[in-house]
Amino acid sequence: MNVMIVSVTERVHEIGIRMAVGARQTDIMQQFLVEAVLICLSGGILGILFSFVIGEFFSIFITDWDMIYSVQTIIVACVFSAVLGVVFGFIPSFNASRMHPVDSLSHD
């Protein structure tokens, strides 16, 4: 959520320009929600890849145990990270969509 708040804060001028040329509130909100979901999904995919790497290192050093990866668990992890992106990206995207173009353009 903090990353998205910083992203909105840094791009206030861009939001003002987009709204001044005709972007609707839903367009601005959709832009930031998609960004939040992509950030969270990329983090989830990196976490899954990291678990595969850790599992390989684990299997090299400990041969008595086998690492078992479940497709359902991987899907749940991806869905969970996408849901987190929507949940924690909603408030910053809502705030971005509620900005007034004149105030956004005059922001330093």
PDB file of N, CA and C in Angstrom:
ATOM      1  N   MET A   1       0.830  -1.184   0.000  1.00  0.00           N
ATOM      2  CA  MET A   1       0.000   0.000   0.000  1.00  0.00           C
ATOM      3  C   MET A   1       0.877   1.251   0.000  1.00  0.00           C
ATOM      4  N   ASN A   2       1.966   1.211   0.762  1.00  0.00           N
ATOM      5  CA  ASN A   2       2.850   2.372   0.808  1.00  0.00           C
ATOM      6  C   ASN A   2       3.482   2.653  -0.549  1.00  0.00           C
ATOM      7  N   VAL A   3       3.812   1.607  -1.275  1.00  0.00           N
ATOM      8  CA  VAL A   3       4.385   1.784  -2.614  1.00  0.00           C
ATOM      9  C   VAL A   3       3.382   2.483  -3.522  1.00  0.00           C
ATOM     10  N   MET A   4       2.128   2.109  -3.426  1.00  0.00           N
ATOM     11  CA  MET A   4       1.113   2.725  -4.280  1.00  0.00           C
ATOM     12  C   MET A   4       0.832   4.165  -3.853  1.00  0.00           C
ATOM     13  N   ILE A   5       0.875   4.438  -2.559  1.00  0.00           N
ATOM     14  CA  ILE A   5       0.677   5.811  -2.090  1.00  0.00           C
ATOM     15  C   ILE A   5       1.802   6.697  -2.602  1.00  0.00           C
ATOM     16  N   VAL A   6       3.033   6.206  -2.557  1.00  0.00           N
ATOM     17  CA  VAL A   6       4.166   6.967  -3.081  1.00  0.00           C
ATOM     18  C   VAL A   6       4.024   7.147  -4.590  1.00  0.00           C
ATOM     19  N   SER A   7       3.566   6.114  -5.282  1.00  0.00           N
ATOM     20  CA  SER A   7       3.382   6.201  -6.733  1.00  0.00           C
ATOM     21  C   SER A   7       2.357   7.268  -7.091  1.00  0.00           C
ATOM     22  N   VAL A   8       1.267   7.325  -6.354  1.00  0.00           N
ATOM     23  CA  VAL A   8       0.244   8.350  -6.601  1.00  0.00           C
ATOM     24  C   VAL A   8       0.796   9.733  -6.281  1.00  0.00           C
ATOM     25  N   THR A   9       1.521   9.854  -5.175  1.00  0.00           N
ATOM     26  CA  THR A   9       2.064  11.143  -4.766  1.00  0.00           C
ATOM     27  C   THR A   9       3.064  11.681  -5.785  1.00  0.00           C
ATOM     28  N   GLU A  10       3.894  10.792  -6.335  1.00  0.00           N
ATOM     29  CA  GLU A  10       4.890  11.224  -7.305  1.00  0.00           C
ATOM     30  C   GLU A  10       4.291  11.571  -8.660  1.00  0.00           C
ATOM     31  N   ARG A  11       3.113  11.054  -8.949  1.00  0.00           N
ATOM     32  CA  ARG A  11       2.523  11.256 -10.273  1.00  0.00           C
ATOM     33  C   ARG A  11       1.277  12.133 -10.249  1.00  0.00           C
ATOM     34  N   VAL A  12       1.210  13.031  -9.290  1.00  0.00           N
ATOM     35  CA  VAL A  12       0.058  13.933  -9.182  1.00  0.00           C
ATOM     36  C   VAL A  12      -0.082  14.782 -10.439  1.00  0.00           C
ATOM     37  N   HIS A  13       1.011  15.278 -10.944  1.00  0.00           N
ATOM     38  CA  HIS A  13       0.967  16.128 -12.139  1.00  0.00           C
ATOM     39  C   HIS A  13       0.455  15.334 -13.346  1.00  0.00           C
ATOM     40  N   GLU A  14       0.916  14.098 -13.498  1.00  0.00           N
ATOM     41  CA  GLU A  14       0.452  13.244 -14.585  1.00  0.00           C
ATOM     42  C   GLU A  14      -1.048  12.975 -14.480  1.00  0.00           C
ATOM     43  N   ILE A  15      -1.516  12.739 -13.258  1.00  0.00           N
ATOM     44  CA  ILE A  15      -2.947  12.503 -13.043  1.00  0.00           C
ATOM     45  C   ILE A  15      -3.745  13.737 -13.447  1.00  0.00           C
ATOM     46  N   GLY A  16      -3.245  14.915 -13.069  1.00  0.00           N
ATOM     47  CA  GLY A  16      -3.927  16.155 -13.433  1.00  0.00           C
ATOM     48  C   GLY A  16      -3.991  16.353 -14.929  1.00  0.00           C
ATOM     49  N   ILE A  17      -2.918  16.053 -15.635  1.00  0.00           N
ATOM     50  CA  ILE A  17      -2.912  16.195 -17.089  1.00  0.00           C
ATOM     51  C   ILE A  17      -3.896  15.216 -17.719  1.00  0.00           C
ATOM     52  N   ARG A  18      -3.875  13.975 -17.266  1.00  0.00           N
ATOM     53  CA  ARG A  18      -4.799  12.984 -17.830  1.00  0.00           C
ATOM     54  C   ARG A  18      -6.250  13.366 -17.598  1.00  0.00           C
ATOM     55  N   MET A  19      -6.554  13.882 -16.409  1.00  0.00           N
ATOM     56  CA  MET A  19      -7.933  14.276 -16.126  1.00  0.00           C
ATOM     57  C   MET A  19      -8.321  15.530 -16.900  1.00  0.00           C
ATOM     58  N   ALA A  20      -7.358  16.430 -17.123  1.00  0.00           N
ATOM     59  CA  ALA A  20      -7.646  17.656 -17.856  1.00  0.00           C
ATOM     60  C   ALA A  20      -7.959  17.381 -19.327  1.00  0.00           C
ATOM     61  N   VAL A  21      -7.370  16.317 -19.882  1.00  0.00           N
ATOM     62  CA  VAL A  21      -7.630  16.011 -21.285  1.00  0.00           C
ATOM     63  C   VAL A  21      -8.770  15.017 -21.467  1.00  0.00           C
ATOM     64  N   GLY A  22      -9.448  14.656 -20.384  1.00  0.00           N
ATOM     65  CA  GLY A  22     -10.666  13.877 -20.528  1.00  0.00           C
ATOM     66  C   GLY A  22     -10.693  12.499 -19.903  1.00  0.00           C
ATOM     67  N   ALA A  23      -9.685  12.125 -19.161  1.00  0.00           N
ATOM     68  CA  ALA A  23      -9.716  10.819 -18.496  1.00  0.00           C
ATOM     69  C   ALA A  23     -10.765  10.838 -17.389  1.00  0.00           C
ATOM     70  N   ARG A  24     -11.522   9.769 -17.311  1.00  0.00           N
ATOM     71  CA  ARG A  24     -12.553   9.669 -16.272  1.00  0.00           C
ATOM     72  C   ARG A  24     -11.936   9.143 -14.979  1.00  0.00           C
ATOM     73  N   GLN A  25     -12.680   9.255 -13.909  1.00  0.00           N
ATOM     74  CA  GLN A  25     -12.204   8.759 -12.618  1.00  0.00           C
ATOM     75  C   GLN A  25     -11.953   7.260 -12.677  1.00  0.00           C
ATOM     76  N   THR A  26     -12.801   6.545 -13.402  1.00  0.00           N
ATOM     77  CA  THR A  26     -12.606   5.095 -13.511  1.00  0.00           C
ATOM     78  C   THR A  26     -11.324   4.758 -14.265  1.00  0.00           C
ATOM     79  N   ASP A  27     -10.940   5.593 -15.232  1.00  0.00           N
ATOM     80  CA  ASP A  27      -9.694   5.350 -15.963  1.00  0.00           C
ATOM     81  C   ASP A  27      -8.481   5.477 -15.043  1.00  0.00           C
ATOM     82  N   ILE A  28      -8.477   6.518 -14.227  1.00  0.00           N
ATOM     83  CA  ILE A  28      -7.363   6.728 -13.291  1.00  0.00           C
ATOM     84  C   ILE A  28      -7.328   5.611 -12.267  1.00  0.00           C
ATOM     85  N   MET A  29      -8.493   5.246 -11.746  1.00  0.00           N
ATOM     86  CA  MET A  29      -8.567   4.190 -10.747  1.00  0.00           C
ATOM     87  C   MET A  29      -8.103   2.862 -11.339  1.00  0.00           C
ATOM     88  N   GLN A  30      -8.520   2.585 -12.556  1.00  0.00           N
ATOM     89  CA  GLN A  30      -8.123   1.342 -13.209  1.00  0.00           C
ATOM     90  C   GLN A  30      -6.614   1.295 -13.440  1.00  0.00           C
ATOM     91  N   GLN A  31      -6.025   2.417 -13.814  1.00  0.00           N
ATOM     92  CA  GLN A  31      -4.580   2.474 -14.042  1.00  0.00           C
ATOM     93  C   GLN A  31      -3.806   2.068 -12.791  1.00  0.00           C
ATOM     94  N   PHE A  32      -4.170   2.622 -11.660  1.00  0.00           N
ATOM     95  CA  PHE A  32      -3.436   2.337 -10.433  1.00  0.00           C
ATOM     96  C   PHE A  32      -3.770   0.959  -9.866  1.00  0.00           C
ATOM     97  N   LEU A  33      -4.997   0.480 -10.073  1.00  0.00           N
ATOM     98  CA  LEU A  33      -5.314  -0.873  -9.630  1.00  0.00           C
ATOM     99  C   LEU A  33      -4.547  -1.914 -10.437  1.00  0.00           C
ATOM    100  N   VAL A  34      -4.452  -1.711 -11.746  1.00  0.00           N
ATOM    101  CA  VAL A  34      -3.691  -2.638 -12.583  1.00  0.00           C
ATOM    102  C   VAL A  34      -2.222  -2.624 -12.176  1.00  0.00           C
ATOM    103  N   GLU A  35      -1.700  -1.443 -11.901  1.00  0.00           N
ATOM    104  CA  GLU A  35      -0.306  -1.342 -11.459  1.00  0.00           C
ATOM    105  C   GLU A  35      -0.097  -2.080 -10.137  1.00  0.00           C
ATOM    106  N   ALA A  36      -1.026  -1.930  -9.201  1.00  0.00           N
ATOM    107  CA  ALA A  36      -0.897  -2.603  -7.903  1.00  0.00           C
ATOM    108  C   ALA A  36      -0.961  -4.118  -8.064  1.00  0.00           C
ATOM    109  N   VAL A  37      -1.867  -4.603  -8.905  1.00  0.00           N
ATOM    110  CA  VAL A  37      -1.984  -6.042  -9.122  1.00  0.00           C
ATOM    111  C   VAL A  37      -0.726  -6.585  -9.794  1.00  0.00           C
ATOM    112  N   LEU A  38      -0.195  -5.866 -10.771  1.00  0.00           N
ATOM    113  CA  LEU A  38       1.021  -6.329 -11.446  1.00  0.00           C
ATOM    114  C   LEU A  38       2.218  -6.362 -10.505  1.00  0.00           C
ATOM    115  N   ILE A  39       2.327  -5.366  -9.640  1.00  0.00           N
ATOM    116  CA  ILE A  39       3.417  -5.364  -8.664  1.00  0.00           C
ATOM    117  C   ILE A  39       3.289  -6.560  -7.728  1.00  0.00           C
ATOM    118  N   CYS A  40       2.086  -6.817  -7.237  1.00  0.00           N
ATOM    119  CA  CYS A  40       1.893  -7.935  -6.309  1.00  0.00           C
ATOM    120  C   CYS A  40       2.062  -9.283  -7.012  1.00  0.00           C
ATOM    121  N   LEU A  41       1.578  -9.408  -8.238  1.00  0.00           N
ATOM    122  CA  LEU A  41       1.751 -10.660  -8.969  1.00  0.00           C
ATOM    123  C   LEU A  41       3.219 -10.943  -9.271  1.00  0.00           C
ATOM    124  N   SER A  42       3.956  -9.909  -9.639  1.00  0.00           N
ATOM    125  CA  SER A  42       5.378 -10.122  -9.897  1.00  0.00           C
ATOM    126  C   SER A  42       6.102 -10.536  -8.608  1.00  0.00           C
ATOM    127  N   GLY A  43       5.723  -9.961  -7.483  1.00  0.00           N
ATOM    128  CA  GLY A  43       6.283 -10.379  -6.209  1.00  0.00           C
ATOM    129  C   GLY A  43       5.909 -11.812  -5.867  1.00  0.00           C
ATOM    130  N   GLY A  44       4.673 -12.196  -6.155  1.00  0.00           N
ATOM    131  CA  GLY A  44       4.247 -13.578  -5.907  1.00  0.00           C
ATOM    132  C   GLY A  44       4.982 -14.573  -6.780  1.00  0.00           C
ATOM    133  N   ILE A  45       5.161 -14.225  -8.056  1.00  0.00           N
ATOM    134  CA  ILE A  45       5.887 -15.121  -8.966  1.00  0.00           C
ATOM    135  C   ILE A  45       7.354 -15.229  -8.560  1.00  0.00           C
ATOM    136  N   LEU A  46       7.953 -14.107  -8.167  1.00  0.00           N
ATOM    137  CA  LEU A  46       9.334 -14.166  -7.683  1.00  0.00           C
ATOM    138  C   LEU A  46       9.442 -15.021  -6.421  1.00  0.00           C
ATOM    139  N   GLY A  47       8.455 -14.944  -5.552  1.00  0.00           N
ATOM    140  CA  GLY A  47       8.441 -15.776  -4.348  1.00  0.00           C
ATOM    141  C   GLY A  47       8.329 -17.259  -4.675  1.00  0.00           C
ATOM    142  N   ILE A  48       7.510 -17.592  -5.674  1.00  0.00           N
ATOM    143  CA  ILE A  48       7.378 -18.991  -6.091  1.00  0.00           C
ATOM    144  C   ILE A  48       8.693 -19.488  -6.690  1.00  0.00           C
ATOM    145  N   LEU A  49       9.307 -18.675  -7.541  1.00  0.00           N
ATOM    146  CA  LEU A  49      10.599 -19.063  -8.124  1.00  0.00           C
ATOM    147  C   LEU A  49      11.668 -19.212  -7.051  1.00  0.00           C
ATOM    148  N   PHE A  50      11.647 -18.326  -6.072  1.00  0.00           N
ATOM    149  CA  PHE A  50      12.602 -18.402  -4.963  1.00  0.00           C
ATOM    150  C   PHE A  50      12.402 -19.686  -4.166  1.00  0.00           C
ATOM    151  N   SER A  51      11.150 -20.109  -4.004  1.00  0.00           N
ATOM    152  CA  SER A  51      10.896 -21.358  -3.273  1.00  0.00           C
ATOM    153  C   SER A  51      11.414 -22.563  -4.048  1.00  0.00           C
ATOM    154  N   PHE A  52      11.340 -22.511  -5.392  1.00  0.00           N
ATOM    155  CA  PHE A  52      11.919 -23.595  -6.184  1.00  0.00           C
ATOM    156  C   PHE A  52      13.436 -23.653  -6.007  1.00  0.00           C
ATOM    157  N   VAL A  53      14.074 -22.495  -6.003  1.00  0.00           N
ATOM    158  CA  VAL A  53      15.530 -22.445  -5.824  1.00  0.00           C
ATOM    159  C   VAL A  53      15.915 -22.960  -4.437  1.00  0.00           C
ATOM    160  N   ILE A  54      15.209 -22.530  -3.417  1.00  0.00           N
ATOM    161  CA  ILE A  54      15.474 -23.004  -2.052  1.00  0.00           C
ATOM    162  C   ILE A  54      15.245 -24.508  -1.967  1.00  0.00           C
ATOM    163  N   GLY A  55      14.201 -24.988  -2.626  1.00  0.00           N
ATOM    164  CA  GLY A  55      13.927 -26.426  -2.631  1.00  0.00           C
ATOM    165  C   GLY A  55      15.033 -27.229  -3.284  1.00  0.00           C
ATOM    166  N   GLU A  56      15.593 -26.695  -4.359  1.00  0.00           N
ATOM    167  CA  GLU A  56      16.710 -27.385  -5.015  1.00  0.00           C
ATOM    168  C   GLU A  56      17.943 -27.420  -4.119  1.00  0.00           C
ATOM    169  N   PHE A  57      18.267 -26.312  -3.483  1.00  0.00           N
ATOM    170  CA  PHE A  57      19.390 -26.297  -2.545  1.00  0.00           C
ATOM    171  C   PHE A  57      19.138 -27.245  -1.378  1.00  0.00           C
ATOM    172  N   PHE A  58      17.908 -27.280  -0.933  1.00  0.00           N
ATOM    173  CA  PHE A  58      17.540 -28.163   0.173  1.00  0.00           C
ATOM    174  C   PHE A  58      17.725 -29.621  -0.220  1.00  0.00           C
ATOM    175  N   SER A  59      17.330 -29.982  -1.437  1.00  0.00           N
ATOM    176  CA  SER A  59      17.445 -31.374  -1.879  1.00  0.00           C
ATOM    177  C   SER A  59      18.896 -31.781  -2.130  1.00  0.00           C
ATOM    178  N   ILE A  60      19.761 -30.820  -2.395  1.00  0.00           N
ATOM    179  CA  ILE A  60      21.185 -31.134  -2.566  1.00  0.00           C
ATOM    180  C   ILE A  60      21.815 -31.520  -1.238  1.00  0.00           C
ATOM    181  N   PHE A  61      21.491 -30.787  -0.181  1.00  0.00           N
ATOM    182  CA  PHE A  61      22.125 -31.012   1.109  1.00  0.00           C
ATOM    183  C   PHE A  61      21.441 -32.084   1.946  1.00  0.00           C
ATOM    184  N   ILE A  62      20.149 -32.239   1.798  1.00  0.00           N
ATOM    185  CA  ILE A  62      19.415 -33.244   2.575  1.00  0.00           C
ATOM    186  C   ILE A  62      18.757 -34.186   1.580  1.00  0.00           C
ATOM    187  N   THR A  63      19.301 -35.381   1.458  1.00  0.00           N
ATOM    188  CA  THR A  63      18.800 -36.328   0.455  1.00  0.00           C
ATOM    189  C   THR A  63      17.700 -37.228   0.999  1.00  0.00           C
ATOM    190  N   ASP A  64      17.464 -37.202   2.305  1.00  0.00           N
ATOM    191  CA  ASP A  64      16.435 -38.066   2.886  1.00  0.00           C
ATOM    192  C   ASP A  64      15.020 -37.568   2.599  1.00  0.00           C
ATOM    193  N   TRP A  65      14.855 -36.291   2.395  1.00  0.00           N
ATOM    194  CA  TRP A  65      13.538 -35.704   2.167  1.00  0.00           C
ATOM    195  C   TRP A  65      13.405 -35.253   0.725  1.00  0.00           C
ATOM    196  N   ASP A  66      12.197 -35.344   0.225  1.00  0.00           N
ATOM    197  CA  ASP A  66      11.904 -34.849  -1.123  1.00  0.00           C
ATOM    198  C   ASP A  66      10.986 -33.640  -1.014  1.00  0.00           C
ATOM    199  N   MET A  67      11.261 -32.629  -1.803  1.00  0.00           N
ATOM    200  CA  MET A  67      10.392 -31.451  -1.846  1.00  0.00           C
ATOM    201  C   MET A  67       9.270 -31.727  -2.839  1.00  0.00           C
ATOM    202  N   ILE A  68       8.046 -31.522  -2.402  1.00  0.00           N
ATOM    203  CA  ILE A  68       6.876 -31.753  -3.258  1.00  0.00           C
ATOM    204  C   ILE A  68       6.187 -30.414  -3.478  1.00  0.00           C
ATOM    205  N   TYR A  69       5.983 -30.077  -4.741  1.00  0.00           N
ATOM    206  CA  TYR A  69       5.324 -28.820  -5.095  1.00  0.00           C
ATOM    207  C   TYR A  69       3.933 -29.133  -5.630  1.00  0.00           C
ATOM    208  N   SER A  70       2.961 -28.444  -5.113  1.00  0.00           N
ATOM    209  CA  SER A  70       1.577 -28.649  -5.510  1.00  0.00           C
ATOM    210  C   SER A  70       1.141 -27.536  -6.451  1.00  0.00           C
ATOM    211  N   VAL A  71       0.486 -27.908  -7.534  1.00  0.00           N
ATOM    212  CA  VAL A  71      -0.011 -26.915  -8.489  1.00  0.00           C
ATOM    213  C   VAL A  71      -1.088 -26.048  -7.830  1.00  0.00           C
ATOM    214  N   GLN A  72      -1.917 -26.663  -7.002  1.00  0.00           N
ATOM    215  CA  GLN A  72      -2.965 -25.916  -6.317  1.00  0.00           C
ATOM    216  C   GLN A  72      -2.373 -24.848  -5.408  1.00  0.00           C
ATOM    217  N   THR A  73      -1.291 -25.171  -4.732  1.00  0.00           N
ATOM    218  CA  THR A  73      -0.656 -24.196  -3.847  1.00  0.00           C
ATOM    219  C   THR A  73      -0.067 -23.037  -4.635  1.00  0.00           C
ATOM    220  N   ILE A  74       0.509 -23.335  -5.776  1.00  0.00           N
ATOM    221  CA  ILE A  74       1.066 -22.272  -6.621  1.00  0.00           C
ATOM    222  C   ILE A  74      -0.045 -21.365  -7.132  1.00  0.00           C
ATOM    223  N   ILE A  75      -1.165 -21.953  -7.534  1.00  0.00           N
ATOM    224  CA  ILE A  75      -2.299 -21.153  -8.015  1.00  0.00           C
ATOM    225  C   ILE A  75      -2.864 -20.299  -6.884  1.00  0.00           C
ATOM    226  N   VAL A  76      -2.996 -20.885  -5.689  1.00  0.00           N
ATOM    227  CA  VAL A  76      -3.501 -20.128  -4.532  1.00  0.00           C
ATOM    228  C   VAL A  76      -2.570 -18.965  -4.216  1.00  0.00           C
ATOM    229  N   ALA A  77      -1.261 -19.180  -4.312  1.00  0.00           N
ATOM    230  CA  ALA A  77      -0.295 -18.108  -4.039  1.00  0.00           C
ATOM    231  C   ALA A  77      -0.453 -16.973  -5.049  1.00  0.00           C
ATOM    232  N   CYS A  78      -0.638 -17.308  -6.309  1.00  0.00           N
ATOM    233  CA  CYS A  78      -0.822 -16.267  -7.338  1.00  0.00           C
ATOM    234  C   CYS A  78      -2.134 -15.510  -7.142  1.00  0.00           C
ATOM    235  N   VAL A  79      -3.203 -16.238  -6.844  1.00  0.00           N
ATOM    236  CA  VAL A  79      -4.498 -15.587  -6.615  1.00  0.00           C
ATOM    237  C   VAL A  79      -4.440 -14.710  -5.368  1.00  0.00           C
ATOM    238  N   PHE A  80      -3.797 -15.198  -4.318  1.00  0.00           N
ATOM    239  CA  PHE A  80      -3.677 -14.430  -3.088  1.00  0.00           C
ATOM    240  C   PHE A  80      -2.894 -13.141  -3.317  1.00  0.00           C
ATOM    241  N   SER A  81      -1.815 -13.217  -4.088  1.00  0.00           N
ATOM    242  CA  SER A  81      -1.043 -11.998  -4.343  1.00  0.00           C
ATOM    243  C   SER A  81      -1.840 -11.013  -5.202  1.00  0.00           C
ATOM    244  N   ALA A  82      -2.655 -11.501  -6.130  1.00  0.00           N
ATOM    245  CA  ALA A  82      -3.496 -10.608  -6.932  1.00  0.00           C
ATOM    246  C   ALA A  82      -4.569  -9.946  -6.066  1.00  0.00           C
ATOM    247  N   VAL A  83      -5.161 -10.719  -5.167  1.00  0.00           N
ATOM    248  CA  VAL A  83      -6.178 -10.163  -4.265  1.00  0.00           C
ATOM    249  C   VAL A  83      -5.557  -9.108  -3.351  1.00  0.00           C
ATOM    250  N   LEU A  84      -4.338  -9.367  -2.861  1.00  0.00           N
ATOM    251  CA  LEU A  84      -3.651  -8.370  -2.045  1.00  0.00           C
ATOM    252  C   LEU A  84      -3.416  -7.086  -2.841  1.00  0.00           C
ATOM    253  N   GLY A  85      -3.087  -7.227  -4.128  1.00  0.00           N
ATOM    254  CA  GLY A  85      -2.898  -6.052  -4.973  1.00  0.00           C
ATOM    255  C   GLY A  85      -4.164  -5.229  -5.098  1.00  0.00           C
ATOM    256  N   VAL A  86      -5.301  -5.894  -5.236  1.00  0.00           N
ATOM    257  CA  VAL A  86      -6.577  -5.175  -5.335  1.00  0.00           C
ATOM    258  C   VAL A  86      -6.937  -4.524  -4.008  1.00  0.00           C
ATOM    259  N   VAL A  87      -6.777  -5.281  -2.929  1.00  0.00           N
ATOM    260  CA  VAL A  87      -7.173  -4.763  -1.608  1.00  0.00           C
ATOM    261  C   VAL A  87      -6.322  -3.565  -1.202  1.00  0.00           C
ATOM    262  N   PHE A  88      -4.994  -3.709  -1.320  1.00  0.00           N
ATOM    263  CA  PHE A  88      -4.118  -2.634  -0.856  1.00  0.00           C
ATOM    264  C   PHE A  88      -3.868  -1.570  -1.918  1.00  0.00           C
ATOM    265  N   GLY A  89      -4.330  -1.784  -3.131  1.00  0.00           N
ATOM    266  CA  GLY A  89      -4.223  -0.763  -4.157  1.00  0.00           C
ATOM    267  C   GLY A  89      -5.489   0.051  -4.315  1.00  0.00           C
ATOM    268  N   PHE A  90      -6.570  -0.379  -3.655  1.00  0.00           N
ATOM    269  CA  PHE A  90      -7.847   0.308  -3.842  1.00  0.00           C
ATOM    270  C   PHE A  90      -7.839   1.719  -3.270  1.00  0.00           C
ATOM    271  N   ILE A  91      -7.381   1.892  -2.052  1.00  0.00           N
ATOM    272  CA  ILE A  91      -7.429   3.215  -1.419  1.00  0.00           C
ATOM    273  C   ILE A  91      -6.549   4.224  -2.156  1.00  0.00           C
ATOM    274  N   PRO A  92      -5.293   3.891  -2.497  1.00  0.00           N
ATOM    275  CA  PRO A  92      -4.505   4.864  -3.265  1.00  0.00           C
ATOM    276  C   PRO A  92      -5.106   5.168  -4.639  1.00  0.00           C
ATOM    277  N   SER A  93      -5.653   4.151  -5.297  1.00  0.00           N
ATOM    278  CA  SER A  93      -6.244   4.407  -6.609  1.00  0.00           C
ATOM    279  C   SER A  93      -7.529   5.222  -6.484  1.00  0.00           C
ATOM    280  N   PHE A  94      -8.287   4.999  -5.430  1.00  0.00           N
ATOM    281  CA  PHE A  94      -9.494   5.786  -5.193  1.00  0.00           C
ATOM    282  C   PHE A  94      -9.137   7.240  -4.924  1.00  0.00           C
ATOM    283  N   ASN A  95      -8.101   7.457  -4.108  1.00  0.00           N
ATOM    284  CA  ASN A  95      -7.658   8.823  -3.830  1.00  0.00           C
ATOM    285  C   ASN A  95      -7.139   9.507  -5.089  1.00  0.00           C
ATOM    286  N   ALA A  96      -6.445   8.761  -5.926  1.00  0.00           N
ATOM    287  CA  ALA A  96      -5.939   9.335  -7.177  1.00  0.00           C
ATOM    288  C   ALA A  96      -7.082   9.714  -8.100  1.00  0.00           C
ATOM    289  N   SER A  97      -8.122   8.906  -8.139  1.00  0.00           N
ATOM    290  CA  SER A  97      -9.238   9.194  -9.041  1.00  0.00           C
ATOM    291  C   SER A  97     -10.096  10.367  -8.557  1.00  0.00           C
ATOM    292  N   ARG A  98     -10.003  10.705  -7.287  1.00  0.00           N
ATOM    293  CA  ARG A  98     -10.798  11.796  -6.728  1.00  0.00           C
ATOM    294  C   ARG A  98     -10.101  13.152  -6.777  1.00  0.00           C
ATOM    295  N   MET A  99      -8.871  13.204  -7.320  1.00  0.00           N
ATOM    296  CA  MET A  99      -8.144  14.469  -7.387  1.00  0.00           C
ATOM    297  C   MET A  99      -8.805  15.410  -8.390  1.00  0.00           C
ATOM    298  N   HIS A 100      -8.726  16.687  -8.098  1.00  0.00           N
ATOM    299  CA  HIS A 100      -9.233  17.698  -9.018  1.00  0.00           C
ATOM    300  C   HIS A 100      -8.112  18.085  -9.976  1.00  0.00           C
ATOM    301  N   PRO A 101      -8.413  18.190 -11.280  1.00  0.00           N
ATOM    302  CA  PRO A 101      -7.362  18.474 -12.250  1.00  0.00           C
ATOM    303  C   PRO A 101      -6.623  19.792 -11.987  1.00  0.00           C
ATOM    304  N   VAL A 102      -7.325  20.819 -11.581  1.00  0.00           N
ATOM    305  CA  VAL A 102      -6.678  22.114 -11.356  1.00  0.00           C
ATOM    306  C   VAL A 102      -5.705  22.039 -10.184  1.00  0.00           C
ATOM    307  N   ASP A 103      -6.131  21.395  -9.098  1.00  0.00           N
ATOM    308  CA  ASP A 103      -5.249  21.255  -7.943  1.00  0.00           C
ATOM    309  C   ASP A 103      -4.054  20.358  -8.273  1.00  0.00           C
ATOM    310  N   SER A 104      -4.287  19.331  -9.078  1.00  0.00           N
ATOM    311  CA  SER A 104      -3.199  18.416  -9.443  1.00  0.00           C
ATOM    312  C   SER A 104      -2.173  19.109 -10.333  1.00  0.00           C
ATOM    313  N   LEU A 105      -2.638  19.941 -11.244  1.00  0.00           N
ATOM    314  CA  LEU A 105      -1.713  20.626 -12.138  1.00  0.00           C
ATOM    315  C   LEU A 105      -0.896  21.710 -11.421  1.00  0.00           C
ATOM    316  N   SER A 106      -1.466  22.278 -10.379  1.00  0.00           N
ATOM    317  CA  SER A 106      -0.740  23.318  -9.642  1.00  0.00           C
ATOM    318  C   SER A 106       0.156  22.756  -8.557  1.00  0.00           C
ATOM    319  N   HIS A 107       0.114  21.430  -8.355  1.00  0.00           N
ATOM    320  CA  HIS A 107       0.947  20.772  -7.350  1.00  0.00           C
ATOM    321  C   HIS A 107       2.407  20.768  -7.801  1.00  0.00           C
ATOM    322  N   ASP A 108       3.326  21.020  -6.883  1.00  0.00           N
ATOM    323  CA  ASP A 108       4.748  21.047  -7.240  1.00  0.00           C
ATOM    324  C   ASP A 108       5.310  19.668  -7.281  1.00  0.00           C
TER     325      ASP A 108
END
